[in-house]
N, C-alpha and C. Protein backbone atom coordinates (compact mmCIF):
# COMPACT_ATOMS: atom_id res chain seq x y z
N UNK A 1 -22.65 -1.56 26.45
CA UNK A 1 -22.62 -2.54 25.37
C UNK A 1 -22.15 -3.87 25.97
N UNK A 2 -22.83 -4.93 25.61
CA UNK A 2 -22.48 -6.23 26.18
C UNK A 2 -21.18 -6.75 25.59
N UNK A 3 -20.54 -7.64 26.33
CA UNK A 3 -19.28 -8.23 25.90
C UNK A 3 -19.45 -9.01 24.59
N UNK A 4 -20.55 -9.73 24.47
CA UNK A 4 -20.81 -10.51 23.26
C UNK A 4 -20.89 -9.60 22.04
N UNK A 5 -21.59 -8.49 22.17
CA UNK A 5 -21.72 -7.56 21.05
C UNK A 5 -20.37 -6.96 20.68
N UNK A 6 -19.56 -6.63 21.68
CA UNK A 6 -18.23 -6.08 21.41
C UNK A 6 -17.38 -7.09 20.66
N UNK A 7 -17.39 -8.34 21.09
CA UNK A 7 -16.63 -9.39 20.42
C UNK A 7 -17.15 -9.55 19.00
N UNK A 8 -18.45 -9.58 18.82
CA UNK A 8 -19.04 -9.72 17.49
C UNK A 8 -18.61 -8.56 16.60
N UNK A 9 -18.66 -7.35 17.11
CA UNK A 9 -18.25 -6.19 16.32
C UNK A 9 -16.77 -6.27 15.97
N UNK A 10 -15.95 -6.77 16.89
CA UNK A 10 -14.53 -6.92 16.62
C UNK A 10 -14.29 -7.89 15.48
N UNK A 11 -15.01 -8.99 15.44
CA UNK A 11 -14.88 -9.98 14.37
C UNK A 11 -15.37 -9.37 13.06
N UNK A 12 -16.45 -8.62 13.13
CA UNK A 12 -16.99 -7.99 11.94
C UNK A 12 -15.97 -7.04 11.32
N UNK A 13 -15.27 -6.27 12.15
CA UNK A 13 -14.27 -5.34 11.65
C UNK A 13 -13.11 -6.09 10.99
N UNK A 14 -12.68 -7.18 11.59
CA UNK A 14 -11.59 -7.96 11.00
C UNK A 14 -12.03 -8.51 9.65
N UNK A 15 -13.26 -9.00 9.58
CA UNK A 15 -13.75 -9.54 8.31
C UNK A 15 -13.78 -8.45 7.23
N UNK A 16 -14.15 -7.24 7.60
CA UNK A 16 -14.18 -6.14 6.63
C UNK A 16 -12.77 -5.83 6.14
N UNK A 17 -11.79 -5.89 7.02
CA UNK A 17 -10.41 -5.64 6.61
C UNK A 17 -9.93 -6.73 5.66
N UNK A 18 -10.28 -7.97 5.97
CA UNK A 18 -9.87 -9.06 5.08
C UNK A 18 -10.59 -8.94 3.73
N UNK A 19 -11.84 -8.56 3.75
CA UNK A 19 -12.58 -8.37 2.50
C UNK A 19 -11.91 -7.29 1.66
N UNK A 20 -11.52 -6.19 2.27
CA UNK A 20 -10.83 -5.13 1.53
C UNK A 20 -9.51 -5.65 0.97
N UNK A 21 -8.76 -6.40 1.77
CA UNK A 21 -7.49 -6.97 1.31
C UNK A 21 -7.73 -7.84 0.07
N UNK A 22 -8.70 -8.72 0.14
CA UNK A 22 -9.00 -9.62 -0.98
C UNK A 22 -9.45 -8.81 -2.20
N UNK A 23 -10.29 -7.81 -1.97
CA UNK A 23 -10.74 -6.96 -3.08
C UNK A 23 -9.57 -6.26 -3.76
N UNK A 24 -8.60 -5.81 -2.98
CA UNK A 24 -7.45 -5.13 -3.56
C UNK A 24 -6.55 -6.08 -4.34
N UNK A 25 -6.54 -7.35 -3.97
CA UNK A 25 -5.70 -8.33 -4.64
C UNK A 25 -6.30 -8.82 -5.97
N UNK A 26 -7.58 -8.59 -6.16
CA UNK A 26 -8.25 -9.07 -7.38
C UNK A 26 -8.04 -8.10 -8.53
N UNK A 27 -8.12 -8.66 -9.75
CA UNK A 27 -8.13 -7.83 -10.95
C UNK A 27 -9.53 -7.27 -11.13
N UNK A 28 -9.63 -5.98 -11.38
CA UNK A 28 -10.93 -5.35 -11.57
C UNK A 28 -10.99 -4.69 -12.94
N UNK A 29 -12.15 -4.72 -13.51
CA UNK A 29 -12.41 -3.96 -14.74
C UNK A 29 -12.67 -2.52 -14.32
N UNK A 30 -12.25 -1.55 -15.11
CA UNK A 30 -12.42 -0.15 -14.73
C UNK A 30 -13.86 0.26 -14.44
N UNK A 31 -14.83 -0.38 -15.10
CA UNK A 31 -16.23 0.01 -14.89
C UNK A 31 -16.89 -0.80 -13.77
N UNK A 32 -16.18 -1.71 -13.17
CA UNK A 32 -16.69 -2.54 -12.08
C UNK A 32 -17.08 -1.65 -10.90
N UNK A 33 -18.26 -1.89 -10.34
CA UNK A 33 -18.75 -1.08 -9.22
C UNK A 33 -17.79 -1.12 -8.03
N UNK A 34 -17.26 -2.32 -7.71
CA UNK A 34 -16.32 -2.43 -6.60
C UNK A 34 -15.06 -1.61 -6.87
N UNK A 35 -14.57 -1.67 -8.10
CA UNK A 35 -13.37 -0.93 -8.46
C UNK A 35 -13.61 0.57 -8.37
N UNK A 36 -14.77 1.02 -8.82
CA UNK A 36 -15.08 2.45 -8.75
C UNK A 36 -15.14 2.91 -7.29
N UNK A 37 -15.72 2.07 -6.44
CA UNK A 37 -15.77 2.41 -5.01
C UNK A 37 -14.38 2.47 -4.40
N UNK A 38 -13.53 1.51 -4.75
CA UNK A 38 -12.16 1.50 -4.24
C UNK A 38 -11.37 2.69 -4.78
N UNK A 39 -11.67 3.09 -6.00
CA UNK A 39 -11.01 4.27 -6.58
C UNK A 39 -11.42 5.53 -5.82
N UNK A 40 -12.72 5.65 -5.51
CA UNK A 40 -13.20 6.81 -4.75
C UNK A 40 -12.56 6.87 -3.37
N UNK A 41 -12.27 5.70 -2.80
CA UNK A 41 -11.65 5.65 -1.48
C UNK A 41 -10.14 5.87 -1.54
N UNK A 42 -9.58 5.95 -2.75
CA UNK A 42 -8.16 6.25 -2.91
C UNK A 42 -7.26 5.03 -2.99
N UNK A 43 -7.83 3.85 -3.21
CA UNK A 43 -7.01 2.64 -3.30
C UNK A 43 -6.54 2.35 -4.73
N UNK A 44 -7.22 2.93 -5.73
CA UNK A 44 -6.82 2.83 -7.13
C UNK A 44 -6.66 4.22 -7.70
N UNK A 45 -5.70 4.36 -8.64
CA UNK A 45 -5.57 5.65 -9.33
C UNK A 45 -6.39 5.62 -10.62
N UNK A 46 -6.25 6.64 -11.45
CA UNK A 46 -7.04 6.72 -12.68
C UNK A 46 -6.74 5.59 -13.66
N UNK A 47 -5.53 5.02 -13.58
CA UNK A 47 -5.16 3.90 -14.46
C UNK A 47 -5.50 2.55 -13.83
N UNK A 48 -6.26 2.58 -12.74
CA UNK A 48 -6.67 1.38 -12.00
C UNK A 48 -5.48 0.60 -11.46
N UNK A 49 -4.44 1.32 -11.10
CA UNK A 49 -3.28 0.74 -10.44
C UNK A 49 -3.41 1.01 -8.95
N UNK A 50 -2.88 0.10 -8.13
CA UNK A 50 -2.92 0.30 -6.69
C UNK A 50 -2.12 1.54 -6.31
N UNK A 51 -2.64 2.29 -5.34
CA UNK A 51 -1.98 3.50 -4.87
C UNK A 51 -1.12 3.18 -3.65
N UNK A 52 -0.26 4.10 -3.22
CA UNK A 52 0.49 3.89 -1.98
C UNK A 52 -0.42 3.59 -0.79
N UNK A 53 -1.60 4.19 -0.76
CA UNK A 53 -2.56 3.92 0.32
C UNK A 53 -2.93 2.43 0.32
N UNK A 54 -3.15 1.86 -0.86
CA UNK A 54 -3.51 0.44 -0.96
C UNK A 54 -2.35 -0.44 -0.50
N UNK A 55 -1.14 -0.13 -0.95
CA UNK A 55 0.02 -0.93 -0.55
C UNK A 55 0.25 -0.85 0.95
N UNK A 56 0.07 0.32 1.52
CA UNK A 56 0.22 0.48 2.97
C UNK A 56 -0.82 -0.35 3.71
N UNK A 57 -2.07 -0.29 3.26
CA UNK A 57 -3.12 -1.08 3.89
C UNK A 57 -2.80 -2.57 3.82
N UNK A 58 -2.41 -3.05 2.64
CA UNK A 58 -2.13 -4.48 2.48
C UNK A 58 -0.97 -4.92 3.37
N UNK A 59 0.09 -4.12 3.42
CA UNK A 59 1.24 -4.44 4.28
C UNK A 59 0.82 -4.49 5.74
N UNK A 60 0.08 -3.48 6.19
CA UNK A 60 -0.36 -3.43 7.58
C UNK A 60 -1.30 -4.58 7.91
N UNK A 61 -2.19 -4.92 6.98
CA UNK A 61 -3.12 -6.03 7.22
C UNK A 61 -2.38 -7.35 7.38
N UNK A 62 -1.46 -7.63 6.45
CA UNK A 62 -0.71 -8.89 6.55
C UNK A 62 0.13 -8.93 7.82
N UNK A 63 0.76 -7.82 8.16
CA UNK A 63 1.56 -7.76 9.39
C UNK A 63 0.69 -8.02 10.61
N UNK A 64 -0.54 -7.52 10.59
CA UNK A 64 -1.44 -7.71 11.74
C UNK A 64 -1.85 -9.17 11.90
N UNK A 65 -1.76 -9.97 10.86
CA UNK A 65 -2.17 -11.37 10.92
C UNK A 65 -1.00 -12.32 11.24
N UNK A 66 0.23 -11.84 11.16
CA UNK A 66 1.37 -12.73 11.37
C UNK A 66 1.37 -13.38 12.74
N UNK A 67 1.18 -12.61 13.79
CA UNK A 67 1.24 -13.16 15.15
C UNK A 67 0.14 -14.18 15.40
N UNK A 68 -1.08 -13.88 14.93
CA UNK A 68 -2.18 -14.82 15.20
C UNK A 68 -2.03 -16.10 14.39
N UNK A 69 -1.52 -16.00 13.18
CA UNK A 69 -1.30 -17.21 12.38
C UNK A 69 -0.18 -18.05 12.98
N UNK A 70 0.91 -17.41 13.38
CA UNK A 70 2.01 -18.14 14.01
C UNK A 70 1.54 -18.80 15.31
N UNK A 71 0.75 -18.08 16.11
CA UNK A 71 0.22 -18.65 17.36
C UNK A 71 -0.68 -19.85 17.06
N UNK A 72 -1.50 -19.75 16.02
CA UNK A 72 -2.38 -20.86 15.66
C UNK A 72 -1.57 -22.07 15.22
N UNK A 73 -0.53 -21.84 14.44
CA UNK A 73 0.32 -22.95 13.97
C UNK A 73 1.00 -23.62 15.17
N UNK A 74 1.50 -22.83 16.10
CA UNK A 74 2.14 -23.40 17.29
C UNK A 74 1.13 -24.17 18.14
N UNK A 75 -0.03 -23.59 18.34
CA UNK A 75 -1.05 -24.20 19.20
C UNK A 75 -1.62 -25.48 18.61
N UNK A 76 -1.88 -25.47 17.31
CA UNK A 76 -2.53 -26.62 16.67
C UNK A 76 -1.56 -27.70 16.23
N UNK A 77 -0.29 -27.35 16.10
CA UNK A 77 0.73 -28.33 15.75
C UNK A 77 0.93 -28.47 14.26
N UNK A 78 2.05 -29.12 13.89
CA UNK A 78 2.44 -29.22 12.48
C UNK A 78 1.42 -29.92 11.57
N UNK A 79 0.68 -30.86 12.08
CA UNK A 79 -0.27 -31.60 11.25
C UNK A 79 -1.63 -30.95 11.13
N UNK A 80 -1.78 -29.74 11.65
CA UNK A 80 -3.09 -29.08 11.66
C UNK A 80 -3.59 -28.81 10.25
N UNK A 81 -4.89 -28.95 10.09
CA UNK A 81 -5.51 -28.62 8.81
C UNK A 81 -5.48 -27.11 8.61
N UNK A 82 -5.33 -26.70 7.39
CA UNK A 82 -5.29 -25.27 7.09
C UNK A 82 -6.60 -24.59 7.51
N UNK A 83 -7.71 -25.28 7.37
CA UNK A 83 -8.99 -24.71 7.78
C UNK A 83 -9.03 -24.44 9.29
N UNK A 84 -8.39 -25.31 10.08
CA UNK A 84 -8.34 -25.09 11.52
C UNK A 84 -7.46 -23.89 11.86
N UNK A 85 -6.36 -23.74 11.15
CA UNK A 85 -5.48 -22.58 11.35
C UNK A 85 -6.24 -21.31 10.99
N UNK A 86 -6.95 -21.34 9.87
CA UNK A 86 -7.71 -20.17 9.44
C UNK A 86 -8.78 -19.80 10.47
N UNK A 87 -9.48 -20.79 10.99
CA UNK A 87 -10.52 -20.52 11.97
C UNK A 87 -9.91 -19.93 13.24
N UNK A 88 -8.82 -20.50 13.69
CA UNK A 88 -8.16 -20.00 14.90
C UNK A 88 -7.64 -18.57 14.72
N UNK A 89 -7.19 -18.25 13.51
CA UNK A 89 -6.63 -16.92 13.23
C UNK A 89 -7.68 -15.94 12.71
N UNK A 90 -8.93 -16.38 12.65
CA UNK A 90 -10.04 -15.55 12.15
C UNK A 90 -9.77 -15.07 10.72
N UNK A 91 -9.36 -16.00 9.88
CA UNK A 91 -9.13 -15.73 8.46
C UNK A 91 -10.17 -16.52 7.68
N UNK A 92 -10.76 -15.89 6.67
CA UNK A 92 -11.81 -16.53 5.89
C UNK A 92 -11.35 -17.02 4.52
N UNK A 93 -10.30 -16.42 3.98
CA UNK A 93 -9.88 -16.72 2.62
C UNK A 93 -8.53 -17.45 2.61
N UNK A 94 -8.46 -18.55 1.86
CA UNK A 94 -7.22 -19.32 1.77
C UNK A 94 -6.07 -18.47 1.23
N UNK A 95 -6.38 -17.57 0.30
CA UNK A 95 -5.34 -16.70 -0.25
C UNK A 95 -4.72 -15.81 0.81
N UNK A 96 -5.51 -15.37 1.75
CA UNK A 96 -4.99 -14.55 2.84
C UNK A 96 -4.03 -15.36 3.69
N UNK A 97 -4.44 -16.58 4.05
CA UNK A 97 -3.56 -17.46 4.83
C UNK A 97 -2.26 -17.70 4.07
N UNK A 98 -2.36 -17.98 2.79
CA UNK A 98 -1.18 -18.24 1.97
C UNK A 98 -0.22 -17.05 1.98
N UNK A 99 -0.75 -15.84 1.86
CA UNK A 99 0.10 -14.64 1.86
C UNK A 99 0.78 -14.43 3.21
N UNK A 100 0.06 -14.69 4.29
CA UNK A 100 0.64 -14.53 5.63
C UNK A 100 1.71 -15.59 5.86
N UNK A 101 1.43 -16.83 5.47
CA UNK A 101 2.40 -17.92 5.64
C UNK A 101 3.67 -17.63 4.84
N UNK A 102 3.51 -17.11 3.64
CA UNK A 102 4.67 -16.74 2.81
C UNK A 102 5.56 -15.72 3.54
N UNK A 103 4.94 -14.74 4.18
CA UNK A 103 5.70 -13.74 4.94
C UNK A 103 6.42 -14.39 6.14
N UNK A 104 5.73 -15.30 6.82
CA UNK A 104 6.34 -15.99 7.96
C UNK A 104 7.52 -16.85 7.51
N UNK A 105 7.39 -17.48 6.36
CA UNK A 105 8.51 -18.27 5.81
C UNK A 105 9.69 -17.37 5.49
N UNK A 106 9.43 -16.26 4.82
CA UNK A 106 10.50 -15.33 4.45
C UNK A 106 11.20 -14.76 5.67
N UNK A 107 10.47 -14.61 6.77
CA UNK A 107 11.04 -14.09 8.01
C UNK A 107 11.75 -15.18 8.81
N UNK A 108 11.69 -16.44 8.34
CA UNK A 108 12.35 -17.53 9.04
C UNK A 108 11.63 -17.99 10.29
N UNK A 109 10.33 -17.72 10.36
CA UNK A 109 9.56 -18.09 11.55
C UNK A 109 8.87 -19.45 11.42
N UNK A 110 8.65 -19.88 10.18
CA UNK A 110 8.09 -21.22 9.93
C UNK A 110 8.73 -21.78 8.67
N UNK A 111 8.58 -23.09 8.51
CA UNK A 111 8.96 -23.71 7.24
C UNK A 111 7.87 -24.70 6.86
N UNK A 112 7.77 -24.97 5.57
CA UNK A 112 6.81 -25.96 5.07
C UNK A 112 7.55 -27.27 4.88
N UNK A 113 6.92 -28.33 5.34
CA UNK A 113 7.50 -29.66 5.19
C UNK A 113 6.38 -30.65 4.94
N UNK A 114 6.36 -31.24 3.74
CA UNK A 114 5.32 -32.20 3.36
C UNK A 114 3.91 -31.64 3.56
N UNK A 115 3.72 -30.37 3.24
CA UNK A 115 2.41 -29.75 3.37
C UNK A 115 2.07 -29.24 4.75
N UNK A 116 2.95 -29.49 5.73
CA UNK A 116 2.74 -29.01 7.10
C UNK A 116 3.53 -27.74 7.34
N UNK A 117 3.07 -26.94 8.28
CA UNK A 117 3.77 -25.75 8.71
C UNK A 117 4.49 -26.05 10.02
N UNK A 118 5.81 -25.89 10.02
CA UNK A 118 6.64 -26.18 11.20
C UNK A 118 7.13 -24.85 11.78
N UNK A 119 6.75 -24.53 13.02
CA UNK A 119 7.25 -23.29 13.63
C UNK A 119 8.73 -23.40 13.93
N UNK A 120 9.47 -22.33 13.68
CA UNK A 120 10.91 -22.30 13.94
C UNK A 120 11.27 -21.37 15.09
N UNK A 121 10.33 -20.66 15.59
CA UNK A 121 10.59 -19.74 16.72
C UNK A 121 9.72 -20.09 17.91
């Protein structure tokens, strides 16, 4: 398998994980096709509430993005556009970036100042 294909497949897998994360964060109607699929996979229970499997996935996904987001913030500097940070960290959804940044703030690794992200570590 060529290196380009391996890299492409790696990006594709990350995108699928982010898509699942975003899908789990959305409100779904019980008859929604996506919700039924997520229920079959064990991410929703019969009351359409997130299961421990869903919470574990979301926690692991956000934790997996912390290092790359922090590295992007450090590399691009405090004035970097959020879109540049997202591109560098291979994140497609602003909500995902927001959730990761919130975790980094709570951990004392960055702070927000006038809309900029300032690394503290």
